[in-house]
């Protein structure tokens, strides 16, 4: 699994472990547009602030922190392979644009805060934040990378095994009905 896939798996696992997210409020104008969904009433600024803090304290923001640098490396590789003579100017351009690109991560942080605020009350966000600020909460966040590193391959193996068992069961039941699959 490459770094981007591992981070994406981490983000998805973090979202799964954080609880189901059914409604997502749209973000203010920006570079990231969340999937279309019914927009609940806008949460209070204080609610969003504590939810944003929760995204960071929970480790969720860490899961996607390397995405922008990885995308920049990919852009550099793509252009450098086709136009190697532009390598120096390309590096200078990427360095110049890095602060702008880094702000794109803020969009995802804001989106995460809106998601948390859509499923947790402000008080629930505060209570959860208090957990993540506690010794055991900090330990939980500290071990998340190890959990995700082990969960990704385990989930892949589990999915393959369950798929094979399900396929075998469907085939057996269809055979009882006179159908060969």
N, C-alpha and C. Protein backbone atom coordinates (compact mmCIF):
# COMPACT_ATOMS: atom_id res chain seq x y z
N UNK A 1 0.86 -1.17 0.00
CA UNK A 1 0.00 0.00 0.00
C UNK A 1 0.90 1.24 0.00
N UNK A 2 0.72 2.18 -0.95
CA UNK A 2 1.56 3.36 -0.98
C UNK A 2 1.12 4.36 0.09
N UNK A 3 1.91 5.41 0.28
CA UNK A 3 1.63 6.38 1.34
C UNK A 3 0.27 7.04 1.18
N UNK A 4 -0.08 7.40 -0.06
CA UNK A 4 -1.37 8.06 -0.29
C UNK A 4 -2.51 7.10 0.06
N UNK A 5 -2.42 5.84 -0.39
CA UNK A 5 -3.46 4.86 -0.10
C UNK A 5 -3.57 4.61 1.40
N UNK A 6 -2.40 4.54 2.06
CA UNK A 6 -2.41 4.32 3.50
C UNK A 6 -3.07 5.49 4.22
N UNK A 7 -2.77 6.72 3.79
CA UNK A 7 -3.40 7.88 4.42
C UNK A 7 -4.90 7.89 4.15
N UNK A 8 -5.28 7.57 2.91
CA UNK A 8 -6.69 7.53 2.57
C UNK A 8 -7.40 6.46 3.39
N UNK A 9 -6.76 5.30 3.54
CA UNK A 9 -7.34 4.25 4.38
C UNK A 9 -7.46 4.76 5.81
N UNK A 10 -6.44 5.48 6.27
CA UNK A 10 -6.48 6.05 7.62
C UNK A 10 -7.63 7.02 7.80
N UNK A 11 -7.82 7.87 6.81
CA UNK A 11 -8.93 8.83 6.88
C UNK A 11 -10.26 8.09 6.92
N UNK A 12 -10.40 7.09 6.05
CA UNK A 12 -11.65 6.34 6.02
C UNK A 12 -11.87 5.56 7.31
N UNK A 13 -10.80 4.97 7.85
CA UNK A 13 -10.93 4.25 9.12
C UNK A 13 -11.25 5.22 10.25
N UNK A 14 -10.61 6.36 10.25
CA UNK A 14 -10.88 7.35 11.30
C UNK A 14 -12.33 7.80 11.24
N UNK A 15 -12.81 8.02 10.04
CA UNK A 15 -14.21 8.43 9.88
C UNK A 15 -15.13 7.33 10.36
N UNK A 16 -14.77 6.08 10.05
CA UNK A 16 -15.59 4.95 10.48
C UNK A 16 -15.58 4.82 11.99
N UNK A 17 -14.39 4.93 12.59
CA UNK A 17 -14.28 4.79 14.04
C UNK A 17 -14.92 5.97 14.77
N UNK A 18 -14.96 7.12 14.12
CA UNK A 18 -15.54 8.30 14.76
C UNK A 18 -17.05 8.22 14.82
N UNK A 19 -17.65 7.36 14.05
CA UNK A 19 -19.11 7.20 14.08
C UNK A 19 -19.69 7.49 12.72
N UNK A 20 -20.92 7.05 12.50
CA UNK A 20 -21.53 7.27 11.19
C UNK A 20 -21.81 8.75 10.95
N UNK A 21 -21.63 9.12 9.73
CA UNK A 21 -21.90 10.51 9.33
C UNK A 21 -22.99 10.45 8.28
N UNK A 22 -24.15 10.95 8.63
CA UNK A 22 -25.28 10.86 7.71
C UNK A 22 -25.53 12.16 6.97
N UNK A 23 -25.33 13.29 7.62
CA UNK A 23 -25.61 14.57 6.99
C UNK A 23 -24.33 15.39 6.96
N UNK A 24 -24.14 16.12 5.88
CA UNK A 24 -22.95 16.93 5.75
C UNK A 24 -23.36 18.31 5.29
N UNK A 25 -22.94 19.31 6.05
CA UNK A 25 -23.26 20.68 5.67
C UNK A 25 -22.27 21.14 4.61
N UNK A 26 -22.70 21.95 3.66
CA UNK A 26 -21.78 22.43 2.64
C UNK A 26 -20.76 23.39 3.23
N UNK A 27 -19.60 23.41 2.63
CA UNK A 27 -18.54 24.32 3.05
C UNK A 27 -18.76 25.68 2.42
N UNK A 28 -18.16 26.70 3.03
CA UNK A 28 -18.16 27.99 2.35
C UNK A 28 -17.35 27.84 1.07
N UNK A 29 -17.48 28.79 0.19
CA UNK A 29 -16.76 28.72 -1.08
C UNK A 29 -15.31 28.41 -0.84
N UNK A 30 -14.80 27.49 -1.58
CA UNK A 30 -13.41 27.09 -1.43
C UNK A 30 -13.06 26.10 -2.50
N UNK A 31 -11.93 25.46 -2.33
CA UNK A 31 -11.47 24.54 -3.35
C UNK A 31 -12.04 23.14 -3.19
N UNK A 32 -12.59 22.81 -2.04
CA UNK A 32 -13.11 21.47 -1.79
C UNK A 32 -14.62 21.54 -1.69
N UNK A 33 -15.29 20.72 -2.47
CA UNK A 33 -16.75 20.68 -2.42
C UNK A 33 -17.16 19.31 -1.95
N UNK A 34 -17.84 19.24 -0.78
CA UNK A 34 -18.25 17.94 -0.26
C UNK A 34 -19.38 17.36 -1.11
N UNK A 35 -19.63 16.06 -0.94
CA UNK A 35 -20.74 15.46 -1.67
C UNK A 35 -22.06 16.17 -1.34
N UNK A 36 -22.97 16.18 -2.30
CA UNK A 36 -24.26 16.84 -2.09
C UNK A 36 -25.05 16.09 -1.02
N UNK A 37 -25.65 16.84 -0.12
CA UNK A 37 -26.48 16.27 0.94
C UNK A 37 -27.40 17.37 1.45
N UNK A 38 -28.44 16.95 2.12
CA UNK A 38 -29.35 17.93 2.72
C UNK A 38 -28.60 18.71 3.78
N UNK A 39 -28.65 20.01 3.72
CA UNK A 39 -27.89 20.85 4.64
C UNK A 39 -28.70 21.13 5.90
N UNK A 40 -28.16 20.71 7.06
CA UNK A 40 -28.83 21.05 8.31
C UNK A 40 -28.58 22.53 8.61
N UNK A 41 -29.27 23.06 9.62
CA UNK A 41 -29.01 24.45 9.98
C UNK A 41 -27.53 24.65 10.30
N UNK A 42 -27.02 25.81 9.95
CA UNK A 42 -25.61 26.10 10.21
C UNK A 42 -25.35 26.11 11.71
N UNK A 43 -24.31 25.40 12.14
CA UNK A 43 -24.00 25.40 13.57
C UNK A 43 -23.43 26.75 14.00
N UNK A 44 -23.53 27.01 15.28
CA UNK A 44 -22.98 28.25 15.83
C UNK A 44 -21.46 28.25 15.66
N UNK A 45 -20.88 29.43 15.62
CA UNK A 45 -19.43 29.56 15.46
C UNK A 45 -18.69 28.84 16.58
N UNK A 46 -19.22 28.91 17.80
CA UNK A 46 -18.57 28.24 18.92
C UNK A 46 -18.61 26.72 18.75
N UNK A 47 -19.71 26.22 18.19
CA UNK A 47 -19.86 24.79 17.92
C UNK A 47 -18.82 24.35 16.89
N UNK A 48 -18.69 25.13 15.81
CA UNK A 48 -17.70 24.81 14.78
C UNK A 48 -16.28 24.88 15.32
N UNK A 49 -16.02 25.84 16.19
CA UNK A 49 -14.67 25.99 16.74
C UNK A 49 -14.28 24.77 17.56
N UNK A 50 -15.19 24.30 18.41
CA UNK A 50 -14.85 23.12 19.22
C UNK A 50 -14.81 21.87 18.35
N UNK A 51 -15.64 21.80 17.33
CA UNK A 51 -15.63 20.65 16.41
C UNK A 51 -14.31 20.64 15.62
N UNK A 52 -13.84 21.81 15.24
CA UNK A 52 -12.56 21.91 14.51
C UNK A 52 -11.42 21.45 15.40
N UNK A 53 -11.46 21.86 16.64
CA UNK A 53 -10.45 21.43 17.61
C UNK A 53 -10.50 19.91 17.79
N UNK A 54 -11.71 19.36 17.75
CA UNK A 54 -11.90 17.92 17.88
C UNK A 54 -11.28 17.18 16.69
N UNK A 55 -11.41 17.72 15.50
CA UNK A 55 -10.81 17.10 14.32
C UNK A 55 -9.30 16.95 14.53
N UNK A 56 -8.68 17.97 15.08
CA UNK A 56 -7.23 17.95 15.31
C UNK A 56 -6.90 17.01 16.47
N UNK A 57 -7.58 17.17 17.60
CA UNK A 57 -7.26 16.38 18.79
C UNK A 57 -7.50 14.89 18.58
N UNK A 58 -8.49 14.55 17.75
CA UNK A 58 -8.81 13.15 17.51
C UNK A 58 -7.81 12.46 16.61
N UNK A 59 -6.95 13.21 15.96
CA UNK A 59 -5.97 12.64 15.05
C UNK A 59 -6.46 12.56 13.62
N UNK A 60 -7.72 12.91 13.39
CA UNK A 60 -8.26 12.82 12.04
C UNK A 60 -7.49 13.71 11.07
N UNK A 61 -7.15 14.91 11.50
CA UNK A 61 -6.43 15.82 10.58
C UNK A 61 -5.04 15.29 10.25
N UNK A 62 -4.44 14.55 11.16
CA UNK A 62 -3.12 13.98 10.92
C UNK A 62 -3.19 12.97 9.77
N UNK A 63 -4.32 12.31 9.64
CA UNK A 63 -4.49 11.27 8.62
C UNK A 63 -4.37 11.84 7.21
N UNK A 64 -4.70 13.09 7.02
CA UNK A 64 -4.63 13.66 5.67
C UNK A 64 -3.58 14.75 5.56
N UNK A 65 -2.76 14.92 6.56
CA UNK A 65 -1.78 16.01 6.54
C UNK A 65 -0.71 15.84 5.45
N UNK A 66 -0.43 14.63 5.05
CA UNK A 66 0.59 14.42 4.03
C UNK A 66 0.07 14.41 2.61
N UNK A 67 -1.23 14.58 2.43
CA UNK A 67 -1.80 14.48 1.09
C UNK A 67 -1.28 15.60 0.18
N UNK A 68 -1.27 16.82 0.65
CA UNK A 68 -0.81 17.95 -0.19
C UNK A 68 0.65 17.77 -0.60
N UNK A 69 1.57 17.47 0.34
CA UNK A 69 2.96 17.24 -0.10
C UNK A 69 3.08 16.09 -1.09
N UNK A 70 2.32 15.02 -0.90
CA UNK A 70 2.37 13.90 -1.84
C UNK A 70 1.86 14.31 -3.22
N UNK A 71 0.80 15.11 -3.26
CA UNK A 71 0.29 15.58 -4.55
C UNK A 71 1.31 16.47 -5.24
N UNK A 72 2.01 17.28 -4.46
CA UNK A 72 3.04 18.14 -5.05
C UNK A 72 4.17 17.30 -5.65
N UNK A 73 4.55 16.24 -4.96
CA UNK A 73 5.59 15.34 -5.48
C UNK A 73 5.11 14.71 -6.79
N UNK A 74 3.84 14.29 -6.82
CA UNK A 74 3.30 13.68 -8.04
C UNK A 74 3.28 14.67 -9.20
N UNK A 75 2.88 15.91 -8.91
CA UNK A 75 2.89 16.94 -9.96
C UNK A 75 4.31 17.13 -10.48
N UNK A 76 5.26 17.22 -9.56
CA UNK A 76 6.65 17.40 -9.95
C UNK A 76 7.12 16.24 -10.82
N UNK A 77 6.79 15.02 -10.41
CA UNK A 77 7.20 13.84 -11.17
C UNK A 77 6.56 13.83 -12.56
N UNK A 78 5.26 14.12 -12.62
CA UNK A 78 4.56 14.10 -13.91
C UNK A 78 5.15 15.10 -14.89
N UNK A 79 5.36 16.34 -14.45
CA UNK A 79 5.90 17.35 -15.36
C UNK A 79 7.38 17.11 -15.64
N UNK A 80 8.11 16.65 -14.65
CA UNK A 80 9.55 16.42 -14.84
C UNK A 80 9.82 15.30 -15.83
N UNK A 81 8.94 14.29 -15.85
CA UNK A 81 9.13 13.18 -16.78
C UNK A 81 8.89 13.62 -18.22
N UNK A 82 7.92 14.47 -18.42
CA UNK A 82 7.61 14.89 -19.79
C UNK A 82 8.43 16.09 -20.23
N UNK A 83 8.83 16.91 -19.26
CA UNK A 83 9.60 18.13 -19.57
C UNK A 83 10.76 18.29 -18.60
N UNK A 84 11.78 17.42 -18.66
CA UNK A 84 12.88 17.48 -17.69
C UNK A 84 13.64 18.81 -17.70
N UNK A 85 13.61 19.52 -18.82
CA UNK A 85 14.32 20.80 -18.90
C UNK A 85 13.69 21.88 -18.01
N UNK A 86 12.47 21.63 -17.52
CA UNK A 86 11.78 22.60 -16.68
C UNK A 86 11.94 22.32 -15.18
N UNK A 87 12.76 21.36 -14.83
CA UNK A 87 12.87 20.91 -13.44
C UNK A 87 13.14 22.05 -12.45
N UNK A 88 14.10 22.92 -12.76
CA UNK A 88 14.43 23.99 -11.81
C UNK A 88 13.28 24.99 -11.66
N UNK A 89 12.70 25.41 -12.78
CA UNK A 89 11.58 26.35 -12.72
C UNK A 89 10.36 25.70 -12.06
N UNK A 90 10.17 24.43 -12.33
CA UNK A 90 9.04 23.72 -11.73
C UNK A 90 9.19 23.65 -10.22
N UNK A 91 10.39 23.32 -9.74
CA UNK A 91 10.62 23.26 -8.29
C UNK A 91 10.39 24.63 -7.66
N UNK A 92 10.90 25.67 -8.30
CA UNK A 92 10.71 27.03 -7.78
C UNK A 92 9.22 27.38 -7.75
N UNK A 93 8.48 26.99 -8.77
CA UNK A 93 7.04 27.27 -8.83
C UNK A 93 6.31 26.52 -7.72
N UNK A 94 6.64 25.24 -7.55
CA UNK A 94 5.99 24.46 -6.48
C UNK A 94 6.30 25.04 -5.11
N UNK A 95 7.55 25.43 -4.89
CA UNK A 95 7.92 26.06 -3.61
C UNK A 95 7.13 27.35 -3.39
N UNK A 96 6.99 28.13 -4.45
CA UNK A 96 6.25 29.39 -4.37
C UNK A 96 4.77 29.13 -4.05
N UNK A 97 4.20 28.10 -4.63
CA UNK A 97 2.77 27.81 -4.46
C UNK A 97 2.45 26.97 -3.22
N UNK A 98 3.48 26.45 -2.57
CA UNK A 98 3.22 25.56 -1.43
C UNK A 98 2.34 26.19 -0.35
N UNK A 99 2.55 27.45 0.06
CA UNK A 99 1.64 28.02 1.06
C UNK A 99 0.18 28.03 0.61
N UNK A 100 -0.03 28.35 -0.66
CA UNK A 100 -1.40 28.33 -1.20
C UNK A 100 -1.97 26.91 -1.15
N UNK A 101 -1.18 25.94 -1.59
CA UNK A 101 -1.64 24.55 -1.60
C UNK A 101 -1.88 24.04 -0.18
N UNK A 102 -1.05 24.45 0.76
CA UNK A 102 -1.22 24.01 2.15
C UNK A 102 -2.57 24.47 2.71
N UNK A 103 -3.04 25.61 2.24
CA UNK A 103 -4.33 26.11 2.73
C UNK A 103 -5.48 25.20 2.29
N UNK A 104 -5.28 24.41 1.24
CA UNK A 104 -6.32 23.48 0.82
C UNK A 104 -6.63 22.48 1.94
N UNK A 105 -5.64 22.16 2.75
CA UNK A 105 -5.88 21.27 3.89
C UNK A 105 -6.85 21.90 4.88
N UNK A 106 -6.85 23.22 4.95
CA UNK A 106 -7.79 23.91 5.83
C UNK A 106 -9.23 23.64 5.41
N UNK A 107 -9.45 23.50 4.10
CA UNK A 107 -10.79 23.18 3.61
C UNK A 107 -11.27 21.86 4.20
N UNK A 108 -10.38 20.88 4.20
CA UNK A 108 -10.74 19.56 4.73
C UNK A 108 -10.92 19.62 6.25
N UNK A 109 -10.12 20.42 6.91
CA UNK A 109 -10.26 20.60 8.36
C UNK A 109 -11.62 21.24 8.67
N UNK A 110 -11.98 22.26 7.91
CA UNK A 110 -13.29 22.90 8.09
C UNK A 110 -14.42 21.93 7.78
N UNK A 111 -14.24 21.13 6.73
CA UNK A 111 -15.25 20.14 6.38
C UNK A 111 -15.42 19.12 7.51
N UNK A 112 -14.30 18.65 8.05
CA UNK A 112 -14.36 17.72 9.17
C UNK A 112 -15.09 18.33 10.36
N UNK A 113 -14.84 19.59 10.63
CA UNK A 113 -15.52 20.28 11.74
C UNK A 113 -17.02 20.33 11.48
N UNK A 114 -17.40 20.61 10.26
CA UNK A 114 -18.83 20.67 9.93
C UNK A 114 -19.48 19.29 10.06
N UNK A 115 -18.75 18.25 9.68
CA UNK A 115 -19.28 16.90 9.83
C UNK A 115 -19.48 16.58 11.31
N UNK A 116 -18.47 16.82 12.11
CA UNK A 116 -18.61 16.58 13.56
C UNK A 116 -19.77 17.40 14.13
N UNK A 117 -19.84 18.66 13.73
CA UNK A 117 -20.90 19.52 14.25
C UNK A 117 -22.28 19.07 13.79
N UNK A 118 -22.34 18.36 12.67
CA UNK A 118 -23.64 17.89 12.17
C UNK A 118 -24.13 16.65 12.90
N UNK A 119 -23.24 15.93 13.54
CA UNK A 119 -23.65 14.69 14.21
C UNK A 119 -23.49 14.72 15.72
N UNK A 120 -22.78 15.72 16.22
CA UNK A 120 -22.59 15.87 17.66
C UNK A 120 -23.02 17.26 18.09
N UNK A 121 -23.67 17.36 19.23
CA UNK A 121 -24.01 18.67 19.76
C UNK A 121 -22.72 19.36 20.18
N UNK A 122 -22.81 20.63 20.45
CA UNK A 122 -21.63 21.35 20.90
C UNK A 122 -21.10 20.74 22.20
N UNK A 123 -22.01 20.38 23.10
CA UNK A 123 -21.58 19.78 24.38
C UNK A 123 -20.92 18.42 24.15
N UNK A 124 -21.48 17.65 23.22
CA UNK A 124 -20.87 16.35 22.91
C UNK A 124 -19.48 16.53 22.30
N UNK A 125 -19.32 17.54 21.48
CA UNK A 125 -18.00 17.85 20.93
C UNK A 125 -17.03 18.20 22.06
N UNK A 126 -17.49 19.01 23.00
CA UNK A 126 -16.65 19.39 24.13
C UNK A 126 -16.28 18.18 24.98
N UNK A 127 -17.25 17.32 25.24
CA UNK A 127 -16.99 16.13 26.05
C UNK A 127 -16.00 15.20 25.34
N UNK A 128 -16.19 15.03 24.04
CA UNK A 128 -15.29 14.17 23.27
C UNK A 128 -13.90 14.79 23.20
N UNK A 129 -13.85 16.10 23.04
CA UNK A 129 -12.57 16.80 23.03
C UNK A 129 -11.86 16.60 24.36
N UNK A 130 -12.60 16.68 25.46
CA UNK A 130 -12.00 16.45 26.78
C UNK A 130 -11.38 15.05 26.86
N UNK A 131 -12.07 14.06 26.28
CA UNK A 131 -11.49 12.72 26.24
C UNK A 131 -10.16 12.74 25.51
N UNK A 132 -10.14 13.34 24.32
CA UNK A 132 -8.91 13.34 23.53
C UNK A 132 -7.80 14.16 24.16
N UNK A 133 -8.13 15.05 25.06
CA UNK A 133 -7.12 15.82 25.79
C UNK A 133 -6.63 15.08 27.04
N UNK A 134 -7.36 14.02 27.44
CA UNK A 134 -6.96 13.24 28.60
C UNK A 134 -5.77 12.34 28.25
N UNK A 135 -5.14 11.76 29.26
CA UNK A 135 -3.99 10.89 29.03
C UNK A 135 -4.38 9.69 28.15
N UNK A 136 -5.50 9.06 28.45
CA UNK A 136 -5.91 7.90 27.66
C UNK A 136 -6.31 8.32 26.24
N UNK A 137 -6.92 9.48 26.08
CA UNK A 137 -7.27 9.98 24.75
C UNK A 137 -6.03 10.28 23.93
N UNK A 138 -5.03 10.89 24.55
CA UNK A 138 -3.78 11.17 23.85
C UNK A 138 -3.09 9.87 23.44
N UNK A 139 -3.15 8.87 24.33
CA UNK A 139 -2.56 7.57 24.02
C UNK A 139 -3.29 6.95 22.82
N UNK A 140 -4.63 7.05 22.82
CA UNK A 140 -5.42 6.52 21.71
C UNK A 140 -4.99 7.15 20.39
N UNK A 141 -4.85 8.47 20.38
CA UNK A 141 -4.44 9.16 19.16
C UNK A 141 -3.01 8.76 18.77
N UNK A 142 -2.15 8.58 19.76
CA UNK A 142 -0.77 8.20 19.51
C UNK A 142 -0.66 6.83 18.84
N UNK A 143 -1.53 5.90 19.22
CA UNK A 143 -1.45 4.54 18.67
C UNK A 143 -2.28 4.37 17.40
N UNK A 144 -3.05 5.37 17.02
CA UNK A 144 -3.87 5.26 15.81
C UNK A 144 -3.07 4.85 14.57
N UNK A 145 -1.90 5.43 14.30
CA UNK A 145 -1.17 5.00 13.11
C UNK A 145 -0.87 3.50 13.10
N UNK A 146 -0.52 2.96 14.25
CA UNK A 146 -0.25 1.52 14.33
C UNK A 146 -1.53 0.73 14.11
N UNK A 147 -2.63 1.23 14.67
CA UNK A 147 -3.92 0.56 14.48
C UNK A 147 -4.27 0.54 13.00
N UNK A 148 -4.17 1.70 12.34
CA UNK A 148 -4.52 1.79 10.93
C UNK A 148 -3.57 0.96 10.07
N UNK A 149 -2.29 0.96 10.40
CA UNK A 149 -1.32 0.18 9.63
C UNK A 149 -1.67 -1.31 9.68
N UNK A 150 -2.19 -1.77 10.79
CA UNK A 150 -2.57 -3.17 10.93
C UNK A 150 -3.98 -3.44 10.40
N UNK A 151 -4.86 -2.46 10.55
CA UNK A 151 -6.25 -2.66 10.13
C UNK A 151 -6.40 -2.71 8.62
N UNK A 152 -5.66 -1.89 7.88
CA UNK A 152 -5.79 -1.85 6.43
C UNK A 152 -5.60 -3.21 5.79
N UNK A 153 -4.44 -3.84 5.99
CA UNK A 153 -4.23 -5.17 5.41
C UNK A 153 -5.22 -6.21 5.97
N UNK A 154 -5.52 -6.12 7.26
CA UNK A 154 -6.47 -7.07 7.86
C UNK A 154 -7.85 -6.92 7.23
N UNK A 155 -8.27 -5.67 7.00
CA UNK A 155 -9.57 -5.45 6.37
C UNK A 155 -9.58 -5.98 4.93
N UNK A 156 -8.49 -5.82 4.24
CA UNK A 156 -8.39 -6.32 2.87
C UNK A 156 -8.50 -7.85 2.87
N UNK A 157 -7.76 -8.51 3.76
CA UNK A 157 -7.82 -9.97 3.85
C UNK A 157 -9.21 -10.43 4.25
N UNK A 158 -9.80 -9.77 5.22
CA UNK A 158 -11.14 -10.11 5.70
C UNK A 158 -12.15 -9.97 4.55
N UNK A 159 -12.06 -8.87 3.81
CA UNK A 159 -12.98 -8.63 2.69
C UNK A 159 -12.87 -9.73 1.65
N UNK A 160 -11.66 -10.14 1.31
CA UNK A 160 -11.47 -11.20 0.33
C UNK A 160 -12.07 -12.51 0.85
N UNK A 161 -11.83 -12.84 2.11
CA UNK A 161 -12.33 -14.09 2.68
C UNK A 161 -13.86 -14.09 2.74
N UNK A 162 -14.44 -13.00 3.19
CA UNK A 162 -15.90 -12.92 3.28
C UNK A 162 -16.51 -12.98 1.88
N UNK A 163 -15.92 -12.31 0.93
CA UNK A 163 -16.42 -12.33 -0.43
C UNK A 163 -16.42 -13.75 -0.97
N UNK A 164 -15.35 -14.49 -0.76
CA UNK A 164 -15.27 -15.88 -1.24
C UNK A 164 -16.34 -16.74 -0.57
N UNK A 165 -16.52 -16.59 0.75
CA UNK A 165 -17.54 -17.38 1.45
C UNK A 165 -18.93 -17.02 0.95
N UNK A 166 -19.20 -15.74 0.75
CA UNK A 166 -20.51 -15.32 0.25
C UNK A 166 -20.77 -15.88 -1.14
N UNK A 167 -19.76 -15.80 -2.00
CA UNK A 167 -19.90 -16.32 -3.35
C UNK A 167 -20.21 -17.81 -3.31
N UNK A 168 -19.47 -18.56 -2.46
CA UNK A 168 -19.69 -20.00 -2.32
C UNK A 168 -21.11 -20.30 -1.84
N UNK A 169 -21.60 -19.53 -0.89
CA UNK A 169 -22.95 -19.74 -0.36
C UNK A 169 -24.01 -19.46 -1.43
N UNK A 170 -23.83 -18.37 -2.17
CA UNK A 170 -24.78 -18.03 -3.23
C UNK A 170 -24.76 -19.14 -4.28
N UNK A 171 -23.58 -19.58 -4.66
CA UNK A 171 -23.46 -20.65 -5.65
C UNK A 171 -24.17 -21.92 -5.16
N UNK A 172 -23.98 -22.28 -3.89
CA UNK A 172 -24.62 -23.48 -3.33
C UNK A 172 -26.15 -23.34 -3.33
N UNK A 173 -26.64 -22.17 -2.94
CA UNK A 173 -28.10 -21.96 -2.91
C UNK A 173 -28.68 -21.95 -4.32
N UNK A 174 -27.96 -21.36 -5.27
CA UNK A 174 -28.43 -21.34 -6.65
C UNK A 174 -28.41 -22.75 -7.25
N UNK A 175 -27.44 -23.57 -6.84
CA UNK A 175 -27.36 -24.95 -7.32
C UNK A 175 -28.59 -25.74 -6.86
N UNK A 176 -29.04 -25.46 -5.60
CA UNK A 176 -30.25 -26.11 -5.08
C UNK A 176 -31.47 -25.77 -5.94
N UNK A 177 -31.42 -24.61 -6.58
CA UNK A 177 -32.53 -24.17 -7.44
C UNK A 177 -32.33 -24.58 -8.89
N UNK A 178 -31.27 -25.37 -9.13
CA UNK A 178 -31.03 -25.86 -10.46
C UNK A 178 -30.18 -24.97 -11.34
N UNK A 179 -29.50 -24.01 -10.76
CA UNK A 179 -28.66 -23.09 -11.53
C UNK A 179 -27.18 -23.30 -11.19
N UNK A 180 -26.38 -23.44 -12.21
CA UNK A 180 -24.93 -23.54 -12.02
C UNK A 180 -24.30 -22.17 -12.25
N UNK A 181 -23.54 -21.73 -11.30
CA UNK A 181 -22.82 -20.43 -11.45
C UNK A 181 -21.34 -20.69 -11.63
